[in-house]
Amino acid sequence: MQTSEVFNQRAWPGAGDVDDCWVLSAIQCVNVVAPWLALPTVPAFRKAAGDPDDGKNDGGNLAEISLGIRTTWPVLAGRLQAQRGVAWATLAGLLLEHRPASIAVVSSKLPPRLRYGFQGLHQVTLAVSGQQPLLANPLAPPHSRWDRVTLAELQPAILAYGQAKAGKPGAWAVAFPTDAEAIALHPLVAPEHAASRREGYSAALEAAAAAIAALSPRA
């Protein structure tokens, strides 16, 4: 998992306003599981998600997050799991399988140290690295470290979003592939590139043998 820094929703190229949290959370999640993929600007991702920053429902939703990811990174199509109003145990199970997730929260229900001055509906990124849950809040300072958290302290904010949106507690999130699933999509690992890898290895082996032969003492 790539969890070295937080992507900030105000500093990211093309960022507009506080409604860009869902965009940065999606981009952050992709970077966690597939750091070799190029990252878009905010307007480019919004366009891919079908939700330009035009003042009309700019806050995004799970469908738009999923569409933006599939459009921007087709290699991830079919690898996402949208969770709409699911029980806490379902979301926790996905996280403990080491599936990073873009998760909707009510920021005022987060512990004060994790709110970064915002109280409303918000989108954050959560991943469990080893045994340690880590939170990337796109309102945290640019390039800062992820916050070390516990799942228990985040549970009220996550379930409160379900209450606000659907009238009952529940988790709303998009879960991503595990490291093992994601690395299988890497262009140097994916099965369709196996032949070229074999050819490259054979060529390198022949070149090495020729170099060694050239260095051998002559009779």
Protein backbone atom coordinates (compact mmCIF):
# COMPACT_ATOMS: atom_id res chain seq x y z
CA MET A 1 0.00 0.00 0.00
CA GLN A 2 1.18 3.48 -0.89
CA THR A 3 0.33 5.56 2.19
CA SER A 4 3.25 7.96 2.28
CA GLU A 5 1.35 11.26 2.00
CA VAL A 6 -2.09 12.85 2.03
CA PHE A 7 -3.46 14.43 -1.16
CA ASN A 8 -5.03 17.77 -0.22
CA GLN A 9 -8.29 18.84 -1.87
CA ARG A 10 -7.34 22.52 -1.91
CA ALA A 11 -3.79 22.12 -3.22
CA TRP A 12 -4.36 19.43 -5.88
CA PRO A 13 -4.07 20.68 -9.49
CA GLY A 14 -7.38 22.11 -10.65
CA ALA A 15 -8.96 22.06 -7.18
CA GLY A 16 -12.00 24.27 -6.87
CA ASP A 17 -13.72 24.23 -3.49
CA VAL A 18 -14.62 22.07 -0.48
CA ASP A 19 -16.81 19.87 -2.70
CA ASP A 20 -13.68 18.22 -4.13
CA CYS A 21 -13.18 15.85 -1.19
CA TRP A 22 -14.72 12.88 -3.04
CA VAL A 23 -12.46 13.50 -6.03
CA LEU A 24 -9.29 13.51 -3.94
CA SER A 25 -10.39 10.51 -1.91
CA ALA A 26 -10.90 8.54 -5.12
CA ILE A 27 -7.51 9.61 -6.50
CA GLN A 28 -5.88 8.82 -3.16
CA CYS A 29 -7.36 5.30 -3.14
CA VAL A 30 -6.09 4.58 -6.63
CA ASN A 31 -2.62 5.71 -5.64
CA VAL A 32 -2.74 3.42 -2.60
CA VAL A 33 -3.34 0.27 -4.64
CA ALA A 34 -1.77 1.15 -8.00
CA PRO A 35 0.90 3.85 -7.56
CA TRP A 36 2.21 3.26 -11.08
CA LEU A 37 -0.94 4.81 -12.59
CA ALA A 38 -0.95 8.46 -13.67
CA LEU A 39 -3.08 10.80 -11.58
CA PRO A 40 -5.54 13.31 -13.08
CA THR A 41 -6.40 16.89 -12.21
CA VAL A 42 -9.65 17.59 -10.37
CA PRO A 43 -11.46 18.84 -13.52
CA ALA A 44 -10.32 15.78 -15.50
CA PHE A 45 -11.65 13.38 -12.87
CA ARG A 46 -14.89 15.32 -12.52
CA LYS A 47 -15.38 15.12 -16.27
CA ALA A 48 -14.77 11.37 -16.20
CA ALA A 49 -17.28 11.08 -13.34
CA GLY A 50 -19.92 13.13 -15.17
CA ASP A 51 -19.99 15.82 -12.47
CA PRO A 52 -18.29 19.07 -13.48
CA ASP A 53 -17.76 21.73 -10.83
CA ASP A 54 -20.75 23.80 -11.99
CA GLY A 55 -22.54 24.45 -8.73
CA LYS A 56 -25.08 21.65 -9.28
CA ASN A 57 -24.77 18.77 -6.81
CA ASP A 58 -20.99 19.05 -6.86
CA GLY A 59 -20.52 16.88 -3.78
CA GLY A 60 -20.33 13.60 -5.71
CA ASN A 61 -21.63 10.17 -4.77
CA LEU A 62 -20.56 6.53 -4.93
CA ALA A 63 -21.82 6.07 -8.47
CA GLU A 64 -19.82 9.06 -9.67
CA ILE A 65 -16.72 7.92 -7.81
CA SER A 66 -16.99 4.49 -9.40
CA LEU A 67 -17.64 5.93 -12.87
CA GLY A 68 -14.74 8.37 -12.58
CA ILE A 69 -12.39 5.57 -11.61
CA ARG A 70 -13.55 3.18 -14.35
CA THR A 71 -13.30 5.92 -16.97
CA THR A 72 -9.93 7.28 -15.86
CA TRP A 73 -8.35 3.91 -15.13
CA PRO A 74 -10.14 1.18 -17.16
CA VAL A 75 -7.77 -1.42 -15.69
CA LEU A 76 -9.69 -1.05 -12.40
CA ALA A 77 -13.11 -1.67 -13.96
CA GLY A 78 -14.78 -4.58 -12.23
CA ARG A 79 -12.38 -4.32 -9.28
CA LEU A 80 -14.41 -1.93 -7.11
CA GLN A 81 -17.02 -2.78 -4.50
CA ALA A 82 -19.61 -0.06 -3.85
CA GLN A 83 -21.17 -0.43 -0.40
CA ARG A 84 -24.43 1.45 0.09
CA GLY A 85 -25.74 1.58 3.63
CA VAL A 86 -24.08 -1.67 4.68
CA ALA A 87 -23.64 -2.84 8.26
CA TRP A 88 -20.52 -1.81 10.13
CA ALA A 89 -19.29 -5.41 10.21
CA THR A 90 -19.38 -5.56 6.40
CA LEU A 91 -17.23 -2.47 5.95
CA ALA A 92 -14.86 -3.45 8.74
CA GLY A 93 -14.44 -6.86 7.15
CA LEU A 94 -13.44 -5.33 3.82
CA LEU A 95 -10.94 -3.02 5.51
CA LEU A 96 -9.43 -5.87 7.49
CA GLU A 97 -8.98 -7.76 4.21
CA HIS A 98 -6.63 -4.87 3.40
CA ARG A 99 -8.99 -3.23 0.92
CA PRO A 100 -8.55 0.55 1.03
CA ALA A 101 -11.83 2.45 0.83
CA SER A 102 -13.19 5.87 0.00
CA ILE A 103 -15.71 6.40 2.79
CA ALA A 104 -18.42 8.99 3.43
CA VAL A 105 -18.51 10.47 6.94
CA VAL A 106 -20.17 13.18 8.99
CA SER A 107 -17.08 15.16 9.88
CA SER A 108 -18.52 16.56 13.11
CA LYS A 109 -18.70 12.99 14.44
CA LEU A 110 -14.99 12.39 13.87
CA PRO A 111 -12.62 12.87 16.80
CA PRO A 112 -11.67 16.57 16.90
CA ARG A 113 -8.07 15.88 15.86
CA LEU A 114 -9.31 14.35 12.59
CA ARG A 115 -11.82 17.03 11.52
CA TYR A 116 -9.35 19.64 10.22
CA GLY A 117 -11.85 22.41 10.87
CA PHE A 118 -14.76 20.90 8.89
CA GLN A 119 -18.07 19.74 10.35
CA GLY A 120 -20.20 18.68 7.38
CA LEU A 121 -20.61 15.68 5.09
CA HIS A 122 -17.23 14.58 3.85
CA GLN A 123 -15.29 11.86 2.00
CA VAL A 124 -12.09 10.36 3.38
CA THR A 125 -9.77 7.46 2.61
CA LEU A 126 -9.19 4.62 5.06
CA ALA A 127 -6.76 1.72 4.79
CA VAL A 128 -5.43 -0.92 7.17
CA SER A 129 -1.69 -1.36 6.70
CA GLY A 130 -0.59 -4.47 8.55
CA GLN A 131 -2.64 -4.14 11.73
CA GLN A 132 -2.72 -0.33 11.75
CA PRO A 133 -5.73 1.61 10.37
CA LEU A 134 -4.64 4.81 8.61
CA LEU A 135 -6.81 7.76 7.61
CA ALA A 136 -6.16 10.22 4.78
CA ASN A 137 -8.44 13.22 5.23
CA PRO A 138 -8.16 15.42 2.11
CA LEU A 139 -8.38 18.47 4.37
CA ALA A 140 -5.15 17.51 6.16
CA PRO A 141 -2.06 19.56 5.20
CA PRO A 142 -0.66 18.72 1.76
CA HIS A 143 1.87 15.85 1.79
CA SER A 144 1.32 15.22 5.50
CA ARG A 145 1.45 11.73 6.98
CA TRP A 146 -1.74 9.72 7.22
CA ASP A 147 -3.37 9.81 10.65
CA ARG A 148 -3.02 6.68 12.77
CA VAL A 149 -6.52 5.79 13.95
CA THR A 150 -8.70 2.98 15.25
CA LEU A 151 -11.75 1.68 13.45
CA ALA A 152 -13.79 2.10 16.61
CA GLU A 153 -13.17 5.85 16.80
CA LEU A 154 -14.28 6.29 13.18
CA GLN A 155 -17.41 4.16 13.44
CA PRO A 156 -19.75 6.94 14.70
CA ALA A 157 -18.84 9.30 11.86
CA ILE A 158 -19.21 6.58 9.22
CA LEU A 159 -22.57 5.29 10.45
CA ALA A 160 -23.86 8.83 10.98
CA TYR A 161 -23.55 9.45 7.25
CA GLY A 162 -25.95 6.58 6.59
CA GLN A 163 -28.36 8.08 9.09
CA ALA A 164 -28.14 11.46 7.37
CA LYS A 165 -28.49 10.06 3.85
CA ALA A 166 -30.89 7.14 4.22
CA GLY A 167 -32.47 7.57 7.64
CA LYS A 168 -30.68 4.64 9.25
CA PRO A 169 -27.09 3.94 10.33
CA GLY A 170 -24.97 2.38 7.63
CA ALA A 171 -21.66 2.65 5.83
CA TRP A 172 -21.36 4.21 2.36
CA ALA A 173 -18.04 3.48 0.71
CA VAL A 174 -16.18 2.25 -2.36
CA ALA A 175 -13.75 -0.54 -1.53
CA PHE A 176 -10.66 -1.14 -3.70
CA PRO A 177 -8.56 -4.21 -4.57
CA THR A 178 -6.04 -5.69 -2.19
CA ASP A 179 -2.33 -5.33 -2.93
CA ALA A 180 -2.23 -8.86 -4.35
CA GLU A 181 -5.18 -8.20 -6.65
CA ALA A 182 -3.83 -4.84 -7.76
CA ILE A 183 -0.29 -5.96 -8.54
CA ALA A 184 -1.71 -8.56 -10.92
CA LEU A 185 -2.92 -5.61 -13.01
CA HIS A 186 0.55 -4.08 -13.34
CA PRO A 187 1.67 -4.00 -16.99
CA LEU A 188 4.81 -5.98 -16.15
CA VAL A 189 2.85 -8.63 -14.27
CA ALA A 190 -0.44 -8.97 -16.15
CA PRO A 191 -0.74 -12.28 -18.09
CA GLU A 192 -1.02 -10.58 -21.48
CA HIS A 193 2.56 -9.34 -21.04
CA ALA A 194 4.01 -12.73 -20.13
CA ALA A 195 5.37 -13.42 -23.64
CA SER A 196 7.20 -10.10 -23.83
CA ARG A 197 8.68 -10.71 -20.37
CA ARG A 198 9.99 -14.11 -21.48
CA GLU A 199 11.44 -12.59 -24.65
CA GLY A 200 13.10 -9.84 -22.65
CA TYR A 201 14.56 -12.32 -20.18
CA SER A 202 15.94 -14.51 -22.99
CA ALA A 203 17.50 -11.53 -24.71
CA ALA A 204 19.08 -10.36 -21.45
CA LEU A 205 20.42 -13.88 -20.79
CA GLU A 206 21.99 -14.07 -24.25
CA ALA A 207 23.53 -10.63 -23.86
CA ALA A 208 24.99 -11.57 -20.48
CA ALA A 209 26.44 -14.80 -21.87
CA ALA A 210 28.03 -12.91 -24.76
CA ALA A 211 29.53 -10.35 -22.38
CA ILE A 212 31.00 -13.07 -20.19
CA ALA A 213 32.43 -14.84 -23.24
CA ALA A 214 34.07 -11.64 -24.38
CA LEU A 215 35.83 -11.31 -21.01
CA SER A 216 37.09 -14.92 -20.96
CA PRO A 217 40.87 -15.31 -21.49
CA ARG A 218 41.78 -16.51 -24.96
CA ALA A 219 43.98 -19.59 -25.47
